[in-house]
Amino acid sequence: MPVDQLSGVFAALADPTRREILRTLRRGEATVAELAAPFAVSQPAVSKHLKVLEQAGLITRSRRGTARLSRLEAAPLRTATEWLIDYRAYWGESFDRLDDLLDDLKEHS
């Protein structure tokens, strides 16, 4: 995934409403009305969120009759997760160093 798309994914995920929309779409396709139902926002506001998610590659949209359906596209989430996993070792090492420091402090107190 190009860095620009990765930035778009993280920007899209920064908003709690968009994260909840993605969580809802894990169950399958949904209309704007279905996605807007749990929120105290208008359907046009949800449509704006959907546009951000679509631009980030996190959803695709299609038509079935008159309904406009959104579908989760999880591949960009996998790539973002893989990018974050690179930092797991860093944090593990940092916690190990902190444990060592705490052990040293206990020994000298």
Protein backbone atom coordinates (compact mmCIF):
# COMPACT_ATOMS: atom_id res chain seq x y z
CA MET A 1 0.00 0.00 0.00
CA PRO A 2 1.46 3.38 -0.91
CA VAL A 3 2.22 5.69 2.00
CA ASP A 4 -0.48 8.09 0.76
CA GLN A 5 -3.13 5.38 1.04
CA LEU A 6 -1.81 4.35 4.45
CA SER A 7 -2.15 7.97 5.57
CA GLY A 8 -5.71 7.98 4.23
CA VAL A 9 -6.52 4.82 6.18
CA PHE A 10 -5.21 6.25 9.43
CA ALA A 11 -7.01 9.56 8.81
CA ALA A 12 -10.26 7.69 8.15
CA LEU A 13 -9.82 5.60 11.29
CA ALA A 14 -9.21 8.72 13.40
CA ASP A 15 -12.94 9.42 13.57
CA PRO A 16 -15.05 7.32 15.98
CA THR A 17 -18.14 7.49 13.76
CA ARG A 18 -16.19 6.02 10.84
CA ARG A 19 -14.76 3.29 13.06
CA GLU A 20 -18.29 2.38 14.16
CA ILE A 21 -19.47 2.35 10.54
CA LEU A 22 -16.68 -0.13 9.72
CA ARG A 23 -17.68 -2.24 12.72
CA THR A 24 -21.27 -2.32 11.43
CA LEU A 25 -20.13 -3.27 7.93
CA ARG A 26 -18.35 -6.34 9.29
CA ARG A 27 -21.84 -7.91 9.38
CA GLY A 28 -22.39 -7.25 5.70
CA GLU A 29 -23.59 -4.64 3.24
CA ALA A 30 -25.71 -1.76 4.51
CA THR A 31 -27.54 1.26 3.17
CA VAL A 32 -26.83 4.82 4.27
CA ALA A 33 -30.08 4.78 6.27
CA GLU A 34 -29.04 1.58 8.08
CA LEU A 35 -25.61 3.01 8.82
CA ALA A 36 -27.04 6.35 10.01
CA ALA A 37 -29.63 4.79 12.35
CA PRO A 38 -27.42 4.43 15.47
CA PHE A 39 -26.03 7.97 15.21
CA ALA A 40 -27.50 11.34 16.07
CA VAL A 41 -26.41 12.70 12.69
CA SER A 42 -28.13 13.16 9.35
CA GLN A 43 -27.86 10.77 6.43
CA PRO A 44 -25.90 13.40 4.47
CA ALA A 45 -23.37 13.54 7.33
CA VAL A 46 -23.02 9.75 7.22
CA SER A 47 -22.63 9.98 3.45
CA LYS A 48 -19.65 12.29 3.99
CA HIS A 49 -18.11 9.74 6.35
CA LEU A 50 -18.71 7.04 3.74
CA LYS A 51 -16.94 9.13 1.12
CA VAL A 52 -13.85 9.38 3.36
CA LEU A 53 -13.93 5.63 3.97
CA GLU A 54 -14.31 4.97 0.25
CA GLN A 55 -11.41 7.29 -0.64
CA ALA A 56 -9.25 5.42 1.88
CA GLY A 57 -10.18 2.12 0.20
CA LEU A 58 -11.90 0.84 3.33
CA ILE A 59 -15.31 0.44 1.69
CA THR A 60 -16.79 0.04 -1.76
CA ARG A 61 -20.20 1.29 -2.77
CA SER A 62 -22.66 -0.18 -5.24
CA ARG A 63 -26.28 0.12 -6.24
CA ARG A 64 -28.99 -2.50 -5.87
CA GLY A 65 -32.13 -1.06 -7.37
CA THR A 66 -32.54 2.34 -5.76
CA ALA A 67 -30.48 1.45 -2.71
CA ARG A 68 -26.85 2.50 -2.45
CA LEU A 69 -24.99 -0.19 -0.49
CA SER A 70 -21.65 0.04 1.28
CA ARG A 71 -19.37 -2.95 1.78
CA LEU A 72 -16.28 -3.33 3.97
CA GLU A 73 -12.95 -3.76 2.20
CA ALA A 74 -10.62 -5.07 4.90
CA ALA A 75 -7.34 -5.31 2.95
CA PRO A 76 -6.23 -1.77 3.83
CA LEU A 77 -6.85 -2.58 7.51
CA ARG A 78 -4.54 -5.57 7.21
CA THR A 79 -1.82 -3.40 5.70
CA ALA A 80 -2.24 -0.77 8.43
CA THR A 81 -2.06 -3.52 11.07
CA GLU A 82 1.13 -4.88 9.53
CA TRP A 83 2.62 -1.39 9.63
CA LEU A 84 1.72 -1.08 13.32
CA ILE A 85 3.10 -4.53 14.14
CA ASP A 86 6.54 -3.26 13.21
CA TYR A 87 6.34 -1.21 16.41
CA ARG A 88 5.38 -4.12 18.64
CA ALA A 89 9.03 -5.14 19.04
CA TYR A 90 9.93 -1.55 19.92
CA TRP A 91 7.33 -1.43 22.67
CA GLY A 92 8.30 -4.87 23.92
CA GLU A 93 11.93 -3.76 24.19
CA SER A 94 10.89 -0.53 25.90
CA PHE A 95 8.88 -2.44 28.50
CA ASP A 96 11.78 -4.85 29.01
CA ARG A 97 14.11 -1.90 29.65
CA LEU A 98 11.58 -0.44 32.09
CA ASP A 99 11.34 -3.79 33.91
CA ASP A 100 15.14 -3.91 34.16
CA LEU A 101 15.22 -0.37 35.55
CA LEU A 102 12.55 -1.17 38.12
CA ASP A 103 14.44 -4.32 39.16
CA ASP A 104 17.62 -2.24 39.60
CA LEU A 105 15.77 0.30 41.69
CA LYS A 106 14.33 -2.44 43.92
CA GLU A 107 17.79 -3.94 44.44
CA HIS A 108 19.29 -0.59 45.46
CA SER A 109 16.54 0.54 47.77
